[in-house]
N, C-alpha and C. Protein backbone atom coordinates (compact mmCIF):
# COMPACT_ATOMS: atom_id res chain seq x y z
N MET A 1 -56.03 92.74 -92.32
CA MET A 1 -56.24 91.55 -93.12
C MET A 1 -57.71 91.41 -93.50
N LYS A 2 -58.63 91.55 -92.52
CA LYS A 2 -60.05 91.44 -92.82
C LYS A 2 -60.49 92.56 -93.76
N TYR A 3 -59.94 93.77 -93.55
CA TYR A 3 -60.28 94.89 -94.40
C TYR A 3 -59.86 94.62 -95.84
N ASN A 4 -58.68 94.06 -96.02
CA ASN A 4 -58.15 93.76 -97.35
C ASN A 4 -59.03 92.72 -98.06
N LEU A 5 -59.44 91.69 -97.35
CA LEU A 5 -60.30 90.66 -97.91
C LEU A 5 -61.68 91.23 -98.27
N LEU A 6 -62.22 92.04 -97.38
CA LEU A 6 -63.51 92.68 -97.62
C LEU A 6 -63.44 93.61 -98.82
N PHE A 7 -62.34 94.36 -98.94
CA PHE A 7 -62.16 95.27 -100.08
C PHE A 7 -62.11 94.49 -101.39
N LYS A 8 -61.38 93.36 -101.42
CA LYS A 8 -61.29 92.55 -102.63
C LYS A 8 -62.66 91.99 -103.02
N ALA A 9 -63.39 91.50 -102.02
CA ALA A 9 -64.73 90.96 -102.30
C ALA A 9 -65.65 92.04 -102.84
N PHE A 10 -65.59 93.23 -102.25
CA PHE A 10 -66.42 94.34 -102.72
C PHE A 10 -66.02 94.74 -104.14
N SER A 11 -64.73 94.73 -104.44
CA SER A 11 -64.25 95.09 -105.78
C SER A 11 -64.77 94.11 -106.83
N VAL A 12 -64.67 92.83 -106.52
CA VAL A 12 -65.15 91.81 -107.46
C VAL A 12 -66.66 91.96 -107.66
N PHE A 13 -67.41 92.14 -106.59
CA PHE A 13 -68.84 92.32 -106.67
C PHE A 13 -69.19 93.55 -107.51
N SER A 14 -68.46 94.64 -107.32
CA SER A 14 -68.71 95.88 -108.08
C SER A 14 -68.47 95.68 -109.56
N ILE A 15 -67.40 94.97 -109.89
CA ILE A 15 -67.10 94.71 -111.30
C ILE A 15 -68.20 93.87 -111.93
N LEU A 16 -68.61 92.81 -111.24
CA LEU A 16 -69.69 91.96 -111.76
C LEU A 16 -70.99 92.75 -111.93
N LEU A 17 -71.29 93.58 -110.96
CA LEU A 17 -72.50 94.40 -111.01
C LEU A 17 -72.44 95.38 -112.17
N PHE A 18 -71.26 95.94 -112.42
CA PHE A 18 -71.09 96.91 -113.50
C PHE A 18 -71.28 96.26 -114.86
N PHE A 19 -70.70 95.07 -115.07
CA PHE A 19 -70.78 94.43 -116.37
C PHE A 19 -72.06 93.65 -116.59
N SER A 20 -72.71 93.20 -115.55
CA SER A 20 -73.90 92.38 -115.67
C SER A 20 -75.01 93.04 -116.49
N PRO A 21 -75.38 94.29 -116.23
CA PRO A 21 -76.44 94.89 -117.04
C PRO A 21 -76.04 95.04 -118.51
N LYS A 22 -74.76 95.29 -118.77
CA LYS A 22 -74.32 95.45 -120.15
C LYS A 22 -74.43 94.14 -120.91
N MET A 23 -74.00 93.04 -120.28
CA MET A 23 -74.11 91.74 -120.94
C MET A 23 -75.58 91.39 -121.15
N ASN A 24 -76.39 91.67 -120.16
CA ASN A 24 -77.82 91.39 -120.24
C ASN A 24 -78.46 92.23 -121.34
N ALA A 25 -78.08 93.49 -121.43
CA ALA A 25 -78.65 94.38 -122.44
C ALA A 25 -78.28 93.92 -123.84
N GLN A 26 -77.03 93.44 -124.03
CA GLN A 26 -76.64 92.96 -125.34
C GLN A 26 -77.46 91.74 -125.73
N GLN A 27 -77.69 90.84 -124.79
CA GLN A 27 -78.47 89.66 -125.10
C GLN A 27 -79.91 90.03 -125.40
N GLN A 28 -80.45 91.03 -124.72
CA GLN A 28 -81.83 91.41 -124.93
C GLN A 28 -82.01 92.30 -126.15
N ASN A 29 -80.92 92.76 -126.75
CA ASN A 29 -80.99 93.65 -127.89
C ASN A 29 -80.94 92.89 -129.21
N ILE A 30 -81.30 91.62 -129.19
CA ILE A 30 -81.32 90.78 -130.39
C ILE A 30 -82.74 90.27 -130.60
N ASP A 31 -83.30 90.58 -131.77
CA ASP A 31 -84.61 90.02 -132.13
C ASP A 31 -84.36 88.70 -132.85
N VAL A 32 -85.01 87.65 -132.38
CA VAL A 32 -84.84 86.32 -132.94
C VAL A 32 -86.16 85.86 -133.52
N THR A 33 -86.13 85.43 -134.78
CA THR A 33 -87.31 84.83 -135.40
C THR A 33 -86.93 83.42 -135.85
N THR A 34 -87.77 82.46 -135.55
CA THR A 34 -87.44 81.08 -135.89
C THR A 34 -88.53 80.44 -136.74
N GLY A 35 -88.08 79.54 -137.59
CA GLY A 35 -89.00 78.76 -138.41
C GLY A 35 -89.21 77.40 -137.80
N GLU A 36 -89.70 76.48 -138.61
CA GLU A 36 -89.94 75.12 -138.15
C GLU A 36 -88.65 74.32 -138.12
N LYS A 37 -88.58 73.41 -137.16
CA LYS A 37 -87.42 72.53 -137.03
C LYS A 37 -87.54 71.41 -138.05
N THR A 38 -86.43 71.09 -138.73
CA THR A 38 -86.38 70.04 -139.72
C THR A 38 -85.28 69.05 -139.37
N VAL A 39 -85.55 67.77 -139.47
CA VAL A 39 -84.51 66.77 -139.22
C VAL A 39 -83.58 66.73 -140.43
N ILE A 40 -82.29 66.94 -140.17
CA ILE A 40 -81.27 66.92 -141.22
C ILE A 40 -80.62 65.55 -141.31
N PHE A 41 -80.37 64.97 -140.14
CA PHE A 41 -79.70 63.68 -140.06
C PHE A 41 -80.19 62.96 -138.81
N GLU A 42 -80.36 61.64 -138.92
CA GLU A 42 -80.69 60.85 -137.74
C GLU A 42 -80.25 59.42 -137.97
N ASP A 43 -79.59 58.86 -136.96
CA ASP A 43 -79.30 57.44 -136.93
C ASP A 43 -79.63 56.94 -135.53
N GLN A 44 -79.16 55.77 -135.15
CA GLN A 44 -79.51 55.24 -133.84
C GLN A 44 -78.77 55.94 -132.70
N PHE A 45 -77.79 56.81 -133.03
CA PHE A 45 -76.98 57.46 -132.01
C PHE A 45 -77.31 58.94 -131.79
N VAL A 46 -77.42 59.67 -132.89
CA VAL A 46 -77.65 61.12 -132.79
C VAL A 46 -78.70 61.59 -133.78
N LYS A 47 -79.30 62.72 -133.42
CA LYS A 47 -80.24 63.39 -134.33
C LYS A 47 -79.75 64.82 -134.47
N ILE A 48 -79.74 65.31 -135.72
CA ILE A 48 -79.37 66.70 -135.99
C ILE A 48 -80.55 67.36 -136.67
N GLU A 49 -80.99 68.47 -136.08
CA GLU A 49 -82.10 69.24 -136.65
C GLU A 49 -81.62 70.64 -136.99
N GLY A 50 -82.30 71.26 -137.93
CA GLY A 50 -81.98 72.62 -138.32
C GLY A 50 -83.22 73.50 -138.27
N THR A 51 -83.03 74.74 -137.87
CA THR A 51 -84.12 75.71 -137.80
C THR A 51 -83.65 77.01 -138.44
N ILE A 52 -84.35 77.48 -139.46
CA ILE A 52 -84.03 78.79 -140.04
C ILE A 52 -84.32 79.84 -138.98
N THR A 53 -83.31 80.65 -138.67
CA THR A 53 -83.42 81.60 -137.58
C THR A 53 -82.86 82.96 -137.99
N GLY A 54 -83.68 83.98 -137.86
CA GLY A 54 -83.22 85.35 -138.10
C GLY A 54 -82.66 85.94 -136.82
N CYS A 55 -81.49 86.54 -136.92
CA CYS A 55 -80.83 87.15 -135.77
C CYS A 55 -80.59 88.63 -136.09
N ASP A 56 -81.44 89.48 -135.60
CA ASP A 56 -81.33 90.92 -135.84
C ASP A 56 -80.72 91.56 -134.59
N ASN A 57 -79.41 91.78 -134.63
CA ASN A 57 -78.68 92.32 -133.49
C ASN A 57 -78.63 93.84 -133.60
N HIS A 58 -79.44 94.51 -132.79
CA HIS A 58 -79.53 95.96 -132.85
C HIS A 58 -78.26 96.64 -132.34
N THR A 59 -77.52 95.98 -131.45
CA THR A 59 -76.29 96.56 -130.91
C THR A 59 -75.21 96.62 -131.98
N SER A 60 -75.00 95.50 -132.70
CA SER A 60 -73.94 95.46 -133.71
C SER A 60 -74.42 95.89 -135.09
N GLY A 61 -75.73 95.93 -135.29
CA GLY A 61 -76.27 96.29 -136.60
C GLY A 61 -76.26 95.14 -137.59
N ILE A 62 -75.99 93.93 -137.11
CA ILE A 62 -75.93 92.75 -137.98
C ILE A 62 -77.29 92.07 -137.98
N ASN A 63 -77.82 91.84 -139.18
CA ASN A 63 -79.12 91.21 -139.34
C ASN A 63 -78.95 90.03 -140.29
N ASN A 64 -78.48 88.90 -139.77
CA ASN A 64 -78.24 87.71 -140.58
C ASN A 64 -79.25 86.62 -140.26
N THR A 65 -79.37 85.70 -141.20
CA THR A 65 -80.20 84.53 -141.01
C THR A 65 -79.29 83.31 -141.04
N TYR A 66 -79.57 82.37 -140.15
CA TYR A 66 -78.77 81.16 -140.02
C TYR A 66 -79.67 79.93 -140.00
N VAL A 67 -79.08 78.78 -140.23
CA VAL A 67 -79.72 77.51 -139.90
C VAL A 67 -79.10 77.13 -138.56
N MET A 68 -79.88 77.25 -137.49
CA MET A 68 -79.39 76.87 -136.16
C MET A 68 -79.48 75.37 -136.04
N LEU A 69 -78.41 74.78 -135.56
CA LEU A 69 -78.35 73.33 -135.44
C LEU A 69 -78.68 72.89 -134.02
N THR A 70 -79.39 71.79 -133.92
CA THR A 70 -79.69 71.14 -132.64
C THR A 70 -79.17 69.72 -132.72
N PHE A 71 -78.28 69.36 -131.79
CA PHE A 71 -77.72 68.02 -131.72
C PHE A 71 -78.31 67.31 -130.52
N THR A 72 -78.82 66.10 -130.73
CA THR A 72 -79.41 65.32 -129.64
C THR A 72 -78.75 63.95 -129.59
N ASN A 73 -78.24 63.59 -128.41
CA ASN A 73 -77.70 62.26 -128.19
C ASN A 73 -78.88 61.34 -127.87
N LEU A 74 -79.13 60.37 -128.71
CA LEU A 74 -80.27 59.47 -128.54
C LEU A 74 -79.96 58.26 -127.66
N THR A 75 -78.74 58.21 -127.14
CA THR A 75 -78.31 57.05 -126.37
C THR A 75 -78.05 57.39 -124.91
N GLN A 76 -77.76 56.38 -124.14
CA GLN A 76 -77.39 56.56 -122.74
C GLN A 76 -75.87 56.47 -122.56
N ASP A 77 -75.15 56.66 -123.65
CA ASP A 77 -73.68 56.67 -123.62
C ASP A 77 -73.19 58.02 -124.16
N THR A 78 -71.99 58.40 -123.77
CA THR A 78 -71.38 59.59 -124.36
C THR A 78 -71.08 59.30 -125.82
N ARG A 79 -71.44 60.23 -126.69
CA ARG A 79 -71.23 60.06 -128.14
C ARG A 79 -70.23 61.09 -128.63
N ASN A 80 -69.21 60.62 -129.34
CA ASN A 80 -68.23 61.47 -130.00
C ASN A 80 -68.37 61.25 -131.49
N PHE A 81 -68.48 62.33 -132.23
CA PHE A 81 -68.65 62.21 -133.68
C PHE A 81 -68.14 63.47 -134.36
N LYS A 82 -67.97 63.36 -135.68
CA LYS A 82 -67.52 64.48 -136.51
C LYS A 82 -68.60 64.79 -137.54
N VAL A 83 -68.68 66.06 -137.92
CA VAL A 83 -69.62 66.47 -138.96
C VAL A 83 -68.87 67.35 -139.96
N GLN A 84 -68.92 66.94 -141.22
CA GLN A 84 -68.39 67.75 -142.32
C GLN A 84 -69.55 68.54 -142.90
N GLN A 85 -69.43 69.87 -142.93
CA GLN A 85 -70.48 70.72 -143.48
C GLN A 85 -70.17 71.04 -144.94
N ASP A 86 -71.01 70.60 -145.84
CA ASP A 86 -70.92 70.98 -147.25
C ASP A 86 -72.01 72.01 -147.50
N LEU A 87 -71.58 73.26 -147.69
CA LEU A 87 -72.51 74.39 -147.81
C LEU A 87 -72.49 74.92 -149.24
N PHE A 88 -73.66 74.94 -149.85
CA PHE A 88 -73.81 75.40 -151.23
C PHE A 88 -74.46 76.78 -151.23
N TYR A 89 -73.75 77.76 -151.77
CA TYR A 89 -74.28 79.11 -151.90
C TYR A 89 -74.51 79.39 -153.37
N ASP A 90 -75.75 79.70 -153.70
CA ASP A 90 -76.16 79.93 -155.08
C ASP A 90 -75.72 78.77 -155.98
N GLY A 91 -75.86 77.55 -155.44
CA GLY A 91 -75.60 76.35 -156.23
C GLY A 91 -74.16 75.86 -156.23
N THR A 92 -73.24 76.60 -155.67
CA THR A 92 -71.83 76.21 -155.66
C THR A 92 -71.39 75.85 -154.24
N CYS A 93 -70.72 74.70 -154.09
CA CYS A 93 -70.25 74.29 -152.77
C CYS A 93 -68.93 75.00 -152.47
N TYR A 94 -68.96 75.85 -151.46
CA TYR A 94 -67.77 76.61 -151.07
C TYR A 94 -67.01 75.95 -149.93
N THR A 95 -67.56 74.92 -149.32
CA THR A 95 -66.92 74.31 -148.16
C THR A 95 -66.58 72.84 -148.37
N CYS A 96 -66.95 72.26 -149.48
CA CYS A 96 -66.75 70.83 -149.71
C CYS A 96 -65.27 70.47 -149.59
N GLY A 97 -65.00 69.49 -148.73
CA GLY A 97 -63.64 68.99 -148.56
C GLY A 97 -62.70 69.90 -147.79
N LYS A 98 -63.20 70.97 -147.21
CA LYS A 98 -62.33 71.90 -146.47
C LYS A 98 -62.35 71.53 -144.98
N ASP A 99 -61.16 71.32 -144.45
CA ASP A 99 -61.02 70.88 -143.06
C ASP A 99 -61.60 71.86 -142.05
N GLU A 100 -61.64 73.14 -142.37
CA GLU A 100 -62.18 74.11 -141.41
C GLU A 100 -63.70 73.98 -141.23
N TYR A 101 -64.32 73.14 -142.06
CA TYR A 101 -65.75 72.86 -141.91
C TYR A 101 -66.00 71.42 -141.44
N LEU A 102 -64.97 70.83 -140.83
CA LEU A 102 -65.09 69.52 -140.19
C LEU A 102 -65.01 69.76 -138.69
N PHE A 103 -66.10 69.46 -137.99
CA PHE A 103 -66.20 69.77 -136.56
C PHE A 103 -66.36 68.50 -135.74
N ASN A 104 -65.74 68.51 -134.55
CA ASN A 104 -65.85 67.42 -133.59
C ASN A 104 -66.88 67.79 -132.53
N TYR A 105 -67.67 66.82 -132.15
CA TYR A 105 -68.70 67.02 -131.12
C TYR A 105 -68.61 65.90 -130.10
N SER A 106 -68.99 66.22 -128.89
CA SER A 106 -69.11 65.23 -127.84
C SER A 106 -70.38 65.56 -127.06
N LEU A 107 -71.25 64.58 -126.96
CA LEU A 107 -72.52 64.76 -126.25
C LEU A 107 -72.61 63.75 -125.12
N ALA A 108 -72.96 64.23 -123.95
CA ALA A 108 -73.21 63.36 -122.80
C ALA A 108 -74.49 62.56 -123.05
N PRO A 109 -74.72 61.50 -122.30
CA PRO A 109 -75.95 60.71 -122.48
C PRO A 109 -77.21 61.58 -122.45
N GLY A 110 -78.01 61.50 -123.52
CA GLY A 110 -79.26 62.25 -123.60
C GLY A 110 -79.10 63.74 -123.79
N GLU A 111 -77.89 64.24 -123.93
CA GLU A 111 -77.65 65.69 -124.02
C GLU A 111 -78.18 66.28 -125.32
N VAL A 112 -78.65 67.52 -125.23
CA VAL A 112 -79.10 68.29 -126.39
C VAL A 112 -78.30 69.59 -126.41
N LYS A 113 -77.66 69.90 -127.56
CA LYS A 113 -76.95 71.17 -127.74
C LYS A 113 -77.65 71.94 -128.85
N ILE A 114 -77.85 73.24 -128.62
CA ILE A 114 -78.59 74.08 -129.57
C ILE A 114 -77.78 75.33 -129.88
N GLY A 115 -77.65 75.65 -131.17
CA GLY A 115 -76.99 76.87 -131.59
C GLY A 115 -77.82 78.08 -131.22
N SER A 116 -77.18 79.26 -131.14
CA SER A 116 -77.91 80.47 -130.78
C SER A 116 -77.35 81.68 -131.51
N CYS A 117 -78.11 82.76 -131.48
CA CYS A 117 -77.70 84.00 -132.14
C CYS A 117 -76.52 84.67 -131.44
N ILE A 118 -76.34 84.40 -130.15
CA ILE A 118 -75.30 85.13 -129.42
C ILE A 118 -73.94 84.45 -129.48
N GLU A 119 -73.85 83.29 -130.09
CA GLU A 119 -72.55 82.63 -130.22
C GLU A 119 -72.04 82.81 -131.64
N ASN A 120 -70.74 82.67 -131.79
CA ASN A 120 -70.15 82.83 -133.12
C ASN A 120 -69.63 81.52 -133.69
N SER A 121 -69.94 80.42 -133.08
CA SER A 121 -69.39 79.14 -133.50
C SER A 121 -70.06 78.63 -134.78
N GLN A 122 -69.26 78.47 -135.81
CA GLN A 122 -69.74 77.92 -137.08
C GLN A 122 -70.20 76.48 -136.88
N SER A 123 -69.73 75.83 -135.82
CA SER A 123 -70.08 74.43 -135.62
C SER A 123 -71.53 74.24 -135.18
N MET A 124 -72.17 75.31 -134.68
CA MET A 124 -73.54 75.21 -134.17
C MET A 124 -74.56 75.94 -135.04
N ARG A 125 -74.10 76.59 -136.08
CA ARG A 125 -75.02 77.28 -136.98
C ARG A 125 -74.39 77.41 -138.36
N LEU A 126 -75.25 77.44 -139.37
CA LEU A 126 -74.82 77.59 -140.75
C LEU A 126 -75.28 78.96 -141.24
N TYR A 127 -74.37 79.72 -141.80
CA TYR A 127 -74.74 81.03 -142.34
C TYR A 127 -75.68 80.81 -143.52
N HIS A 128 -76.85 81.46 -143.48
CA HIS A 128 -77.83 81.32 -144.55
C HIS A 128 -77.80 82.54 -145.48
N HIS A 129 -78.06 83.72 -144.94
CA HIS A 129 -77.98 84.93 -145.75
C HIS A 129 -78.08 86.17 -144.86
N MET A 130 -77.79 87.31 -145.48
CA MET A 130 -78.02 88.61 -144.86
C MET A 130 -79.00 89.36 -145.75
N PRO A 131 -79.45 90.54 -145.36
CA PRO A 131 -80.39 91.26 -146.22
C PRO A 131 -79.86 91.39 -147.65
N ALA A 132 -80.74 91.22 -148.63
CA ALA A 132 -80.34 91.19 -150.05
C ALA A 132 -79.64 92.47 -150.48
N ASN A 133 -79.97 93.60 -149.86
CA ASN A 133 -79.32 94.85 -150.27
C ASN A 133 -77.85 94.88 -149.81
N LEU A 134 -77.47 94.01 -148.88
CA LEU A 134 -76.08 93.95 -148.42
C LEU A 134 -75.29 92.85 -149.12
N SER A 135 -75.95 91.73 -149.41
CA SER A 135 -75.29 90.62 -150.10
C SER A 135 -76.36 89.72 -150.71
N PRO A 136 -76.24 89.44 -152.01
CA PRO A 136 -77.23 88.57 -152.65
C PRO A 136 -76.96 87.08 -152.44
N VAL A 137 -75.85 86.71 -151.78
CA VAL A 137 -75.46 85.31 -151.59
C VAL A 137 -76.41 84.64 -150.59
N VAL A 138 -76.93 83.46 -150.99
CA VAL A 138 -77.89 82.73 -150.17
C VAL A 138 -77.51 81.25 -150.14
N LEU A 139 -77.66 80.64 -148.96
CA LEU A 139 -77.45 79.20 -148.83
C LEU A 139 -78.58 78.50 -149.58
N THR A 140 -78.23 77.75 -150.63
CA THR A 140 -79.25 77.09 -151.44
C THR A 140 -79.37 75.61 -151.12
N ASP A 141 -78.33 75.03 -150.49
CA ASP A 141 -78.38 73.62 -150.12
C ASP A 141 -77.26 73.38 -149.11
N TYR A 142 -77.41 72.33 -148.33
CA TYR A 142 -76.33 71.93 -147.42
C TYR A 142 -76.46 70.44 -147.12
N GLN A 143 -75.34 69.83 -146.85
CA GLN A 143 -75.30 68.42 -146.47
C GLN A 143 -74.36 68.29 -145.30
N LEU A 144 -74.78 67.56 -144.29
CA LEU A 144 -73.95 67.29 -143.13
C LEU A 144 -73.58 65.81 -143.16
N HIS A 145 -72.28 65.54 -143.25
CA HIS A 145 -71.78 64.16 -143.30
C HIS A 145 -71.27 63.79 -141.91
N VAL A 146 -71.91 62.82 -141.29
CA VAL A 146 -71.61 62.44 -139.90
C VAL A 146 -70.79 61.16 -139.89
N SER A 147 -69.71 61.19 -139.11
CA SER A 147 -68.93 59.97 -138.87
C SER A 147 -68.71 59.82 -137.37
N HIS A 148 -68.95 58.61 -136.88
CA HIS A 148 -68.81 58.34 -135.45
C HIS A 148 -67.39 57.89 -135.14
N ASN A 149 -66.87 58.39 -134.02
CA ASN A 149 -65.50 58.02 -133.60
C ASN A 149 -65.51 56.69 -132.91
């Protein structure tokens, strides 16, 4: 019985040890460049900021630029709200009125959530562009419409 338990513990530890450097290497294989933070929206409850961020992922070969979003709860209460993303690429809104660009958020009192290069959630970052030789499409404007629940 003790041998079986020890073997299981060793197996789990070995698996974690095996995958840990790979996950760490993937995270370290991304060059991130950031611009200045800009306030996109602010009311008495929440503040939303955006930062132009280049994400050059050497592992996947993807070199995209995003507007990383930062959500800050300005209150001492849990805040639930929705954000509709209207994204204009080369002057045309491709997301206006589309439900897949309506996101729900919940922030604990004083909580700050920040988008990152290693996540794929559209709710925390806006696709800006990729290198021009791959695609000439560029985010030219965006509007975030916030409604509180």
